[in-house]
N, C-alpha and C. Protein backbone atom coordinates (compact mmCIF):
# COMPACT_ATOMS: atom_id res chain seq x y z
N MET A 1 -3.20 11.81 -1.38
CA MET A 1 -2.94 11.46 -2.76
C MET A 1 -3.96 10.41 -3.19
N THR A 2 -4.39 10.51 -4.41
CA THR A 2 -5.31 9.54 -4.98
C THR A 2 -4.56 8.62 -5.93
N VAL A 3 -4.81 7.33 -5.79
CA VAL A 3 -4.17 6.34 -6.66
C VAL A 3 -5.29 5.57 -7.36
N ASP A 4 -5.19 5.43 -8.67
CA ASP A 4 -6.20 4.70 -9.43
C ASP A 4 -5.95 3.20 -9.26
N GLU A 5 -6.82 2.54 -8.52
CA GLU A 5 -6.68 1.12 -8.22
C GLU A 5 -6.70 0.26 -9.48
N LYS A 6 -7.36 0.73 -10.52
CA LYS A 6 -7.49 -0.04 -11.74
C LYS A 6 -6.24 -0.03 -12.60
N THR A 7 -5.42 1.01 -12.46
CA THR A 7 -4.26 1.12 -13.35
C THR A 7 -2.91 0.93 -12.66
N THR A 8 -2.85 1.10 -11.34
CA THR A 8 -1.56 0.96 -10.69
C THR A 8 -1.15 -0.50 -10.60
N LYS A 9 0.13 -0.73 -10.79
CA LYS A 9 0.69 -2.08 -10.64
C LYS A 9 1.35 -2.21 -9.27
N LEU A 10 1.33 -1.14 -8.51
CA LEU A 10 1.98 -1.12 -7.20
C LEU A 10 0.94 -1.40 -6.13
N ARG A 11 0.91 -2.63 -5.65
CA ARG A 11 -0.06 -3.01 -4.62
C ARG A 11 0.54 -4.08 -3.73
N SER A 12 0.07 -4.12 -2.51
CA SER A 12 0.49 -5.12 -1.53
C SER A 12 -0.73 -5.56 -0.74
N ALA A 13 -0.72 -6.82 -0.33
CA ALA A 13 -1.79 -7.34 0.51
C ALA A 13 -1.25 -7.48 1.93
N HIS A 14 -2.10 -7.11 2.91
CA HIS A 14 -1.71 -7.22 4.31
C HIS A 14 -2.97 -7.34 5.15
N ASP A 15 -3.01 -8.32 6.04
CA ASP A 15 -4.15 -8.54 6.94
C ASP A 15 -5.48 -8.60 6.19
N GLY A 16 -5.47 -9.22 5.01
CA GLY A 16 -6.70 -9.38 4.25
C GLY A 16 -7.14 -8.17 3.46
N ASN A 17 -6.32 -7.13 3.43
CA ASN A 17 -6.62 -5.91 2.68
C ASN A 17 -5.59 -5.69 1.60
N VAL A 18 -6.00 -5.02 0.52
CA VAL A 18 -5.08 -4.67 -0.54
C VAL A 18 -4.82 -3.17 -0.45
N PHE A 19 -3.54 -2.79 -0.51
CA PHE A 19 -3.12 -1.40 -0.44
C PHE A 19 -2.50 -1.02 -1.78
N TYR A 20 -2.79 0.18 -2.26
CA TYR A 20 -2.32 0.65 -3.56
C TYR A 20 -1.37 1.83 -3.33
N PHE A 21 -0.34 1.93 -4.18
CA PHE A 21 0.71 2.92 -3.96
C PHE A 21 0.99 3.77 -5.19
N CYS A 22 1.48 4.98 -4.91
CA CYS A 22 1.77 5.93 -5.97
C CYS A 22 3.18 5.75 -6.52
N SER A 23 4.06 5.13 -5.73
CA SER A 23 5.44 4.95 -6.18
C SER A 23 6.04 3.69 -5.59
N ALA A 24 7.10 3.21 -6.22
CA ALA A 24 7.80 2.02 -5.74
C ALA A 24 8.41 2.28 -4.36
N ALA A 25 8.83 3.50 -4.10
CA ALA A 25 9.43 3.83 -2.80
C ALA A 25 8.38 3.73 -1.69
N CYS A 26 7.18 4.20 -1.93
CA CYS A 26 6.11 4.09 -0.93
C CYS A 26 5.76 2.63 -0.68
N LYS A 27 5.67 1.84 -1.72
CA LYS A 27 5.36 0.43 -1.57
C LYS A 27 6.46 -0.28 -0.80
N ALA A 28 7.71 0.02 -1.09
CA ALA A 28 8.83 -0.61 -0.39
C ALA A 28 8.81 -0.27 1.10
N SER A 29 8.50 0.96 1.44
CA SER A 29 8.40 1.36 2.85
C SER A 29 7.30 0.58 3.55
N PHE A 30 6.17 0.45 2.90
CA PHE A 30 5.05 -0.30 3.47
C PHE A 30 5.41 -1.77 3.63
N ASP A 31 5.99 -2.36 2.60
CA ASP A 31 6.33 -3.78 2.63
C ASP A 31 7.35 -4.10 3.71
N LYS A 32 8.23 -3.17 3.97
CA LYS A 32 9.27 -3.37 4.99
C LYS A 32 8.67 -3.46 6.39
N ASP A 33 7.66 -2.63 6.67
CA ASP A 33 7.05 -2.61 8.01
C ASP A 33 5.61 -2.11 7.92
N PRO A 34 4.68 -2.96 7.48
CA PRO A 34 3.30 -2.50 7.30
C PRO A 34 2.62 -2.07 8.58
N HIS A 35 3.05 -2.56 9.74
CA HIS A 35 2.41 -2.17 11.00
C HIS A 35 2.77 -0.75 11.41
N ARG A 36 3.77 -0.18 10.79
CA ARG A 36 4.15 1.20 11.08
C ARG A 36 3.08 2.19 10.58
N PHE A 37 2.31 1.75 9.61
CA PHE A 37 1.30 2.60 9.01
C PHE A 37 -0.04 2.38 9.70
N GLY A 38 -0.87 3.37 9.70
CA GLY A 38 -2.15 3.30 10.41
C GLY A 38 -3.06 2.21 9.87
N HIS A 39 -3.82 1.63 10.76
CA HIS A 39 -4.81 0.63 10.40
C HIS A 39 -6.18 1.16 10.78
N ALA A 40 -7.17 0.77 10.01
CA ALA A 40 -8.54 1.17 10.32
C ALA A 40 -8.96 0.56 11.65
N LYS A 41 -9.73 1.31 12.42
CA LYS A 41 -10.18 0.83 13.73
C LYS A 41 -11.61 0.40 13.67
């Protein structure tokens, strides 16, 4: 899915990175446990 970083209000910062989300539910899942999601290597 593509999210427009310029228009979305759904974003979270983690480990010095900003993550953008398509829905409040996706953001809530990430905020609850951000380490569950893949990190760049």
